[in-house]
Protein backbone atom coordinates (compact mmCIF):
# COMPACT_ATOMS: atom_id res chain seq x y z
CA MET A 1 123.63 124.68 -27.05
CA ILE A 2 123.84 120.97 -27.89
CA LEU A 3 124.97 119.37 -31.15
CA VAL A 4 124.08 115.80 -32.21
CA THR A 5 125.54 113.89 -35.14
CA GLY A 6 123.73 110.82 -36.45
CA GLY A 7 120.37 112.20 -35.36
CA SER A 8 118.51 110.48 -38.19
CA GLY A 9 119.27 106.98 -36.86
CA LEU A 10 117.73 104.78 -34.17
CA LEU A 11 119.91 105.97 -31.30
CA GLY A 12 120.17 109.55 -32.51
CA SER A 13 116.41 110.00 -32.87
CA HIS A 14 115.76 108.72 -29.35
CA LEU A 15 118.52 110.97 -28.01
CA LEU A 16 117.10 114.01 -29.79
CA LEU A 17 113.67 113.42 -28.27
CA GLU A 18 115.16 113.33 -24.79
CA LEU A 19 117.24 116.44 -25.42
CA VAL A 20 114.45 118.62 -26.85
CA ARG A 21 112.32 117.75 -23.85
CA GLU A 22 115.00 119.04 -21.51
CA HIS A 23 116.80 121.77 -23.48
CA GLU A 24 115.76 124.72 -25.62
CA GLU A 25 118.49 124.68 -28.23
CA VAL A 26 119.45 121.46 -30.02
CA VAL A 27 121.25 121.30 -33.37
CA ALA A 28 121.28 118.04 -35.38
CA LEU A 29 123.54 117.38 -38.35
CA LYS A 30 122.27 115.40 -41.32
CA ARG A 31 123.10 114.55 -44.90
CA PRO A 32 121.13 116.45 -47.57
CA THR A 33 119.57 113.11 -48.57
CA SER A 34 118.53 112.08 -45.05
CA ASP A 35 114.91 110.96 -44.61
CA LEU A 36 113.57 112.41 -41.35
CA GLU A 37 110.17 110.70 -41.45
CA GLU A 38 111.46 107.81 -39.31
CA VAL A 39 112.65 110.35 -36.73
CA LYS A 40 109.17 111.84 -36.60
CA ARG A 41 107.74 108.34 -36.20
CA VAL A 42 110.00 107.68 -33.22
CA PHE A 43 108.87 110.95 -31.62
CA SER A 44 105.23 109.90 -32.10
CA TYR A 45 105.81 106.70 -30.10
CA TYR A 46 106.44 108.69 -26.95
CA SER A 47 104.58 111.97 -27.28
CA GLY A 48 101.28 113.36 -28.48
CA GLU A 49 103.17 116.54 -29.37
CA ALA A 50 105.66 114.88 -31.71
CA ASP A 51 105.40 117.53 -34.43
CA GLU A 52 105.93 120.39 -32.01
CA LEU A 53 108.95 118.68 -30.43
CA PHE A 54 110.43 117.86 -33.83
CA LYS A 55 110.21 121.52 -34.88
CA LEU A 56 112.41 122.49 -31.93
CA ILE A 57 115.40 120.81 -33.61
CA ASP A 58 117.64 122.93 -35.82
CA TRP A 59 118.55 120.52 -38.63
CA VAL A 60 121.74 121.45 -40.47
CA ASP A 61 123.15 119.81 -43.59
CA ALA A 62 126.83 119.03 -43.18
CA ASP A 63 129.48 116.71 -44.57
CA LEU A 64 131.41 115.22 -41.65
CA LEU A 65 134.36 114.63 -43.97
CA ASN A 66 134.52 118.36 -44.68
CA TYR A 67 136.35 119.92 -41.74
CA ALA A 68 135.20 123.44 -42.64
CA ASP A 69 131.56 122.27 -42.45
CA VAL A 70 132.12 120.66 -39.08
CA GLU A 71 133.93 123.61 -37.50
CA ARG A 72 131.33 126.04 -38.82
CA VAL A 73 128.46 124.28 -37.04
CA MET A 74 130.46 123.97 -33.80
CA ILE A 75 130.41 127.71 -33.15
CA ASP A 76 128.53 128.46 -29.90
CA ILE A 77 128.09 124.74 -29.17
CA ASP A 78 128.65 123.60 -25.58
CA GLN A 79 128.08 119.85 -25.75
CA VAL A 80 128.51 117.39 -28.62
CA TYR A 81 127.02 113.89 -28.92
CA HIS A 82 128.78 112.08 -31.76
CA CYS A 83 126.45 109.22 -32.77
CA ALA A 84 127.11 109.19 -36.51
CA ALA A 85 128.84 106.19 -38.09
CA THR A 86 128.57 104.12 -41.23
CA VAL A 87 127.89 100.39 -40.85
CA SER A 88 128.44 97.91 -43.67
CA PHE A 89 129.51 94.30 -43.90
CA GLN A 90 129.88 94.37 -47.67
CA PRO A 91 133.49 93.57 -48.60
CA ARG A 92 133.54 96.35 -51.19
CA ASP A 93 132.65 98.94 -48.49
CA ARG A 94 135.26 97.88 -45.93
CA GLN A 95 138.02 100.42 -46.55
CA TRP A 96 135.60 103.24 -47.31
CA MET A 97 133.78 102.63 -44.00
CA ILE A 98 137.03 102.53 -42.02
CA ASP A 99 138.19 105.79 -43.61
CA TYR A 100 134.83 107.53 -43.20
CA ASN A 101 134.25 106.64 -39.56
CA THR A 102 137.83 107.45 -38.57
CA GLN A 103 138.15 110.74 -40.45
CA SER A 104 134.71 112.03 -39.49
CA THR A 105 135.51 111.41 -35.83
CA ALA A 106 138.89 113.11 -36.21
CA ASN A 107 137.11 116.16 -37.66
CA ILE A 108 134.63 116.20 -34.77
CA VAL A 109 137.44 115.99 -32.21
CA ASN A 110 139.52 118.71 -33.89
CA ALA A 111 136.53 121.03 -34.26
CA CYS A 112 135.58 120.54 -30.60
CA MET A 113 139.05 121.66 -29.56
CA ALA A 114 139.18 124.53 -32.04
CA THR A 115 135.85 125.98 -30.85
CA SER A 116 136.34 125.21 -27.12
CA VAL A 117 133.39 122.83 -26.78
CA ASP A 118 132.80 121.99 -23.11
CA LYS A 119 132.41 118.22 -23.56
CA LEU A 120 132.20 115.50 -26.21
CA LEU A 121 130.39 112.19 -25.83
CA HIS A 122 131.46 109.66 -28.45
CA VAL A 123 129.34 106.62 -29.26
CA SER A 124 131.69 103.74 -30.00
CA SER A 125 130.75 100.05 -29.95
CA SER A 126 131.34 96.87 -28.01
CA SER A 127 133.12 95.69 -31.16
CA ALA A 128 135.98 98.03 -30.17
CA ILE A 129 136.48 96.19 -26.87
CA GLY A 130 139.29 93.64 -26.65
CA ARG A 131 138.62 89.93 -26.38
CA SER A 132 138.12 88.56 -22.89
CA PRO A 133 140.34 85.86 -21.39
CA GLU A 134 138.76 82.42 -21.22
CA GLY A 135 136.21 82.31 -18.43
CA SER A 136 135.46 86.03 -18.00
CA PRO A 137 133.38 88.79 -19.65
CA ALA A 138 135.13 91.58 -21.51
CA ASP A 139 135.49 94.89 -19.69
CA GLU A 140 136.75 98.35 -20.56
CA SER A 141 140.36 97.56 -19.67
CA MET A 142 140.70 95.09 -22.54
CA ILE A 143 142.47 96.60 -25.52
CA TRP A 144 141.24 95.69 -28.97
CA ALA A 145 143.78 94.02 -31.25
CA HIS A 146 143.56 93.52 -34.99
CA THR A 147 143.25 89.91 -36.16
CA LYS A 148 142.47 88.20 -39.45
CA SER A 149 138.86 87.83 -38.31
CA SER A 150 138.37 91.50 -37.31
CA THR A 151 135.40 93.08 -39.07
CA GLY A 152 135.82 96.31 -40.95
CA TYR A 153 133.31 97.88 -38.57
CA SER A 154 135.33 96.94 -35.49
CA VAL A 155 138.48 98.34 -37.10
CA SER A 156 136.66 101.60 -37.85
CA LYS A 157 135.28 101.94 -34.32
CA PHE A 158 138.67 101.22 -32.74
CA LYS A 159 140.38 103.81 -34.92
CA SER A 160 137.61 106.31 -34.18
CA GLU A 161 138.11 105.78 -30.46
CA MET A 162 141.81 106.45 -30.92
CA GLU A 163 140.95 109.86 -32.32
CA VAL A 164 138.90 110.63 -29.21
CA TRP A 165 141.68 109.45 -26.91
CA ARG A 166 144.06 111.70 -28.85
CA GLY A 167 141.75 114.63 -28.17
CA ILE A 168 141.60 113.74 -24.48
CA GLU A 169 145.39 113.73 -24.31
CA GLU A 170 145.38 117.18 -25.91
CA GLY A 171 143.00 118.54 -23.28
CA LEU A 172 139.52 117.77 -24.64
CA LYS A 173 136.94 116.78 -22.05
CA ALA A 174 135.33 113.65 -23.48
CA VAL A 175 133.73 110.35 -22.55
CA ILE A 176 133.10 107.22 -24.63
CA VAL A 177 130.26 104.68 -24.52
CA ASN A 178 130.51 101.17 -25.99
CA PRO A 179 126.97 99.83 -26.38
CA THR A 180 126.28 96.28 -27.46
CA ILE A 181 123.47 95.66 -30.00
CA ILE A 182 120.90 98.39 -29.39
CA LEU A 183 117.22 97.38 -29.45
CA GLY A 184 114.51 99.98 -29.91
CA PRO A 185 111.38 100.80 -31.93
CA GLY A 186 111.34 102.27 -35.42
CA PHE A 187 113.53 101.88 -38.51
CA TRP A 188 112.03 98.42 -39.03
CA ASN A 189 113.81 97.68 -42.28
CA ARG A 190 117.37 98.36 -41.20
CA GLY A 191 119.82 97.75 -38.38
CA SER A 192 118.83 95.90 -35.25
CA SER A 193 115.13 96.74 -35.68
CA SER A 194 115.03 94.59 -38.82
CA MET A 195 115.28 91.58 -36.50
CA PHE A 196 111.62 92.14 -35.67
CA SER A 197 110.67 92.34 -39.35
CA ARG A 198 112.51 89.09 -40.09
CA VAL A 199 110.79 87.25 -37.27
CA ALA A 200 107.37 88.66 -38.21
CA GLY A 201 108.06 87.50 -41.75
CA GLY A 202 108.34 83.88 -40.62
CA LEU A 203 111.97 83.33 -39.62
CA LYS A 204 112.59 79.58 -39.23
CA PHE A 205 116.31 79.21 -38.52
CA ALA A 206 118.86 80.86 -36.24
CA THR A 207 122.44 80.36 -35.08
CA PRO A 208 123.96 79.94 -31.59
CA GLY A 209 126.38 82.90 -31.72
CA VAL A 210 126.32 85.00 -28.54
CA THR A 211 126.65 88.75 -28.03
CA GLY A 212 125.25 91.52 -25.82
CA TYR A 213 122.04 93.54 -26.12
CA VAL A 214 120.80 96.76 -24.56
CA GLY A 215 117.65 98.91 -24.81
CA VAL A 216 117.90 102.23 -26.64
CA GLN A 217 116.30 104.20 -23.81
CA ASP A 218 118.89 102.87 -21.37
CA VAL A 219 121.65 103.96 -23.75
CA VAL A 220 120.17 107.46 -24.04
CA SER A 221 119.75 107.75 -20.29
CA THR A 222 123.35 106.73 -19.70
CA MET A 223 124.63 109.16 -22.32
CA THR A 224 122.84 112.17 -20.88
CA GLN A 225 123.88 111.32 -17.34
CA LEU A 226 127.52 110.98 -18.39
CA MET A 227 127.38 114.24 -20.33
CA ASP A 228 126.03 116.12 -17.33
CA SER A 229 128.55 114.56 -14.95
CA ASP A 230 132.19 115.46 -14.26
CA ILE A 231 133.31 112.11 -15.72
CA SER A 232 135.88 112.45 -18.51
CA GLY A 233 138.66 110.37 -20.00
CA GLU A 234 136.76 107.10 -19.51
CA ARG A 235 134.87 104.58 -21.61
CA PHE A 236 131.88 102.51 -20.53
CA ILE A 237 130.36 99.27 -21.86
CA LEU A 238 126.56 99.48 -22.00
CA ASN A 239 125.06 96.01 -21.88
CA SER A 240 121.90 94.57 -20.38
CA GLY A 241 122.69 90.91 -21.02
CA ASP A 242 124.35 88.38 -23.31
CA PHE A 243 122.16 86.07 -25.38
CA SER A 244 122.50 83.83 -28.40
CA PHE A 245 120.97 84.99 -31.67
CA ARG A 246 118.60 82.07 -31.39
CA GLU A 247 117.41 83.06 -27.92
CA VAL A 248 116.80 86.65 -28.98
CA PHE A 249 114.91 85.67 -32.12
CA GLU A 250 112.81 83.23 -30.08
CA MET A 251 111.99 85.96 -27.55
CA ILE A 252 110.98 88.26 -30.40
CA ALA A 253 108.81 85.51 -31.89
CA VAL A 254 106.97 85.07 -28.59
CA ALA A 255 106.52 88.83 -28.21
CA LEU A 256 105.07 89.02 -31.72
CA GLY A 257 102.60 86.22 -31.06
CA ARG A 258 104.29 83.27 -32.73
CA ALA A 259 104.10 81.09 -29.61
CA GLY A 260 103.64 77.37 -30.13
CA GLU A 261 106.05 77.02 -33.06
CA SER A 262 108.96 74.67 -32.55
CA GLY A 263 112.13 73.49 -34.23
CA ARG A 264 114.22 70.41 -33.56
CA SER A 265 116.20 71.52 -30.54
CA SER A 266 115.76 73.71 -27.49
CA ARG A 267 117.84 76.51 -26.03
CA SER A 268 121.16 75.58 -24.59
CA GLY A 269 120.63 77.63 -21.44
CA LYS A 270 124.29 78.66 -21.46
CA SER A 271 123.76 82.26 -22.40
CA GLY A 272 121.45 85.07 -21.37
CA ARG A 273 123.28 86.18 -18.23
CA ALA A 274 125.37 89.31 -18.38
CA GLY A 275 128.97 88.63 -17.59
CA GLU A 276 129.46 85.06 -18.80
CA SER A 277 132.70 84.09 -20.48
CA GLY A 278 133.17 84.17 -24.24
CA ARG A 279 135.61 82.88 -26.76
CA SER A 280 135.49 84.64 -30.08
CA SER A 281 134.52 87.65 -32.14
CA ARG A 282 131.73 90.18 -31.73
CA SER A 283 128.82 90.21 -34.13
CA GLY A 284 128.74 93.94 -34.74
CA GLU A 285 125.73 93.59 -37.07
CA SER A 286 122.32 93.62 -35.50
CA GLY A 287 121.40 89.97 -35.76
CA ARG A 288 121.58 89.37 -39.51
CA ALA A 289 124.32 86.81 -38.99
CA GLY A 290 122.06 84.76 -36.74
CA ALA A 291 118.95 84.76 -38.93
CA LEU A 292 118.06 82.46 -41.81
CA GLY A 293 114.93 81.10 -43.45
CA ARG A 294 112.63 84.11 -43.60
CA THR A 295 109.29 83.32 -45.22
CA GLY A 296 106.02 85.18 -45.58
CA GLU A 297 105.55 88.94 -45.35
CA SER A 298 106.52 91.55 -42.78
CA GLY A 299 103.65 92.38 -40.46
CA GLU A 300 102.29 88.83 -40.37
CA SER A 301 101.85 88.95 -36.60
CA GLY A 302 100.57 92.50 -36.38
CA ARG A 303 97.06 91.80 -35.10
CA SER A 304 97.41 92.31 -31.39
CA SER A 305 97.60 95.66 -29.62
CA ARG A 306 100.43 96.97 -27.46
CA SER A 307 99.43 95.13 -24.31
CA GLY A 308 102.84 94.40 -22.85
CA LYS A 309 101.61 90.92 -21.90
CA SER A 310 103.60 88.91 -24.42
CA GLY A 311 106.32 86.52 -23.32
CA ARG A 312 104.27 84.67 -20.69
CA ALA A 313 105.83 81.63 -19.08
CA ASP A 314 103.51 79.22 -20.92
CA GLU A 315 104.50 80.57 -24.33
CA SER A 316 107.53 79.39 -26.27
CA VAL A 317 109.01 79.30 -29.75
CA SER A 318 111.90 77.09 -30.81
CA LEU A 319 113.69 77.92 -34.05
CA LYS A 320 115.75 75.37 -35.94
CA SER A 321 119.52 75.44 -35.56
CA VAL A 322 121.87 76.10 -38.46
CA LYS A 323 125.13 74.17 -38.75
CA PRO A 324 128.39 76.03 -39.47
CA SER A 325 128.98 73.93 -42.58
CA THR A 326 125.57 74.93 -43.94
CA LEU A 327 126.16 78.64 -43.44
CA ARG A 328 129.65 78.43 -44.94
CA LEU A 329 128.20 76.75 -48.01
CA LEU A 330 125.53 79.43 -48.31
CA SER A 331 128.22 82.08 -47.99
CA ARG A 332 130.20 80.56 -50.85
CA LEU A 333 127.11 80.39 -53.05
CA ASP A 334 126.28 83.96 -52.11
CA ALA A 335 129.81 85.03 -53.06
CA LEU A 336 129.27 83.50 -56.51
CA ALA A 337 125.97 85.32 -56.91
CA GLY A 338 127.57 88.49 -55.62
CA PHE A 339 130.05 88.38 -58.48
CA PHE A 340 127.12 89.29 -60.73
CA THR A 341 124.92 91.34 -58.36
CA ARG A 342 127.80 93.24 -56.67
CA LYS A 343 126.10 92.71 -53.31
CA ARG A 344 126.57 90.09 -50.61
CA ARG A 345 123.90 88.82 -48.23
CA ILE A 346 126.03 86.35 -46.23
CA THR A 347 129.70 87.32 -45.95
CA SER A 348 132.53 85.59 -44.11
CA GLU A 349 132.08 88.20 -41.36
CA HIS A 350 128.47 87.10 -40.95
CA VAL A 351 129.52 83.46 -40.67
CA ARG A 352 132.13 84.15 -37.99
CA ALA A 353 129.69 86.25 -35.98
CA ALA A 354 126.92 83.67 -36.32
CA PHE A 355 128.90 81.08 -34.36
CA GLY A 356 131.17 83.24 -32.22
CA GLU A 357 130.70 84.20 -28.58
CA ALA A 358 131.20 87.61 -27.00
CA HIS A 359 130.31 88.43 -23.40
CA PHE A 360 130.46 91.85 -21.78
CA SER A 361 130.50 93.31 -18.29
CA SER A 362 128.60 96.53 -17.55
CA GLU A 363 129.84 96.67 -13.96
CA LYS A 364 131.83 99.87 -14.49
CA ILE A 365 128.87 102.02 -15.56
CA GLN A 366 126.70 100.49 -12.86
CA LYS A 367 129.21 101.62 -10.25
CA ALA A 368 129.87 105.00 -11.86
CA ILE A 369 126.27 106.30 -12.04
CA GLY A 370 124.20 103.53 -10.48
CA MET A 371 122.78 102.51 -13.86
CA GLU A 372 120.25 99.68 -13.81
CA PHE A 373 119.54 98.20 -17.24
CA THR A 374 116.12 97.05 -18.37
CA PRO A 375 116.09 93.25 -18.87
CA VAL A 376 116.45 92.31 -22.53
CA GLU A 377 113.21 90.30 -22.54
CA LYS A 378 111.32 93.35 -21.27
CA VAL A 379 112.93 95.55 -23.94
CA ILE A 380 111.91 93.05 -26.63
CA GLU A 381 108.31 92.94 -25.39
CA ASN A 382 108.14 96.73 -25.49
CA VAL A 383 109.66 97.05 -28.98
CA ALA A 384 107.40 94.27 -30.30
CA GLY A 385 104.37 96.26 -29.13
CA TYR A 386 105.41 99.21 -31.29
CA TYR A 387 106.10 96.87 -34.21
CA ARG A 388 102.61 95.38 -33.98
CA THR A 389 101.04 98.82 -33.84
CA ASP A 390 102.99 100.03 -36.87
CA ASN A 391 102.21 96.95 -38.92
CA ILE A 392 98.58 96.18 -38.12
CA GLY A 393 96.72 95.25 -41.29
CA LYS A 394 99.79 95.42 -43.54
CA ALA A 395 100.28 92.61 -46.04
């Protein structure tokens, strides 16, 4: 029997679909307040029997901070995929997020050992990978170190990994994956998928910060292959390629049919190849740091069908660049507004990510299982097709 945490998210929903197709018994943990309609929508993208497949999942309410809850659901479980994590870049949520992600992972690890689970696969993040030396991409050997610019999310993912490594030292069979920003269809108003909503809504500006991207189906495929292998006590970066926020938003714009728009400057051409060198921090948040100037309404470009023909060589979009000084000013103004609203839209973490560079090597996983990642542009074209279908005719 297989257990999945975080099954109501983008990655978890795609993983669940793959698992119920291949296995009879799959248990998914959720919060009592979780909305599963987006999970059903994801299933419908790939199967005409979405409802039947969804009913095969045994959904169980559980509090990952309650060890008794976690151990109870682990009984008779053979494999555990731990995808659940909280993500927030709000300053007020920082310590809570660190505590939640770390303690929930500790409970998962302890329960796996207490109930003799065969294997644990933990979903970490590229933000828990150490910085690369000048002139080289980061790989799995690079140890993360806390700095003044470390995001709360990266701290939480590093500490969560430490709990898994503790379990491995105590005899638990486990493997860790460190995906970069995951792109996939569904959940259009949150996480990385909201990048498509912002572009469809008329995004005009973007920043040059660089980080890695990977397709959700490639992540799922890698996870299931690692789970079914004898590999344990290792971690693997999952990355298709490194691109600037601006390049990714421009690719999304083309895929959504906004070709022909232009800003004042063109792409630098220095990013977009997996394995280039980088200098500063990871973004950790699915593109919000790189996006400014949204106008219009979501679904603006939702007229065309899922043809897969977007992104032709004669199509291009060039967004306007944002200067660091401009974004810092906006962040300060946002901080003032946040004093009254209790919510920030542009934090100092966003600003650092918007102009930082992070490059990643996926050579280790390619050698370990022969993984070949789908090019990022192809992933974007595919996801944009689902976005158009979901938003046809919407104002």
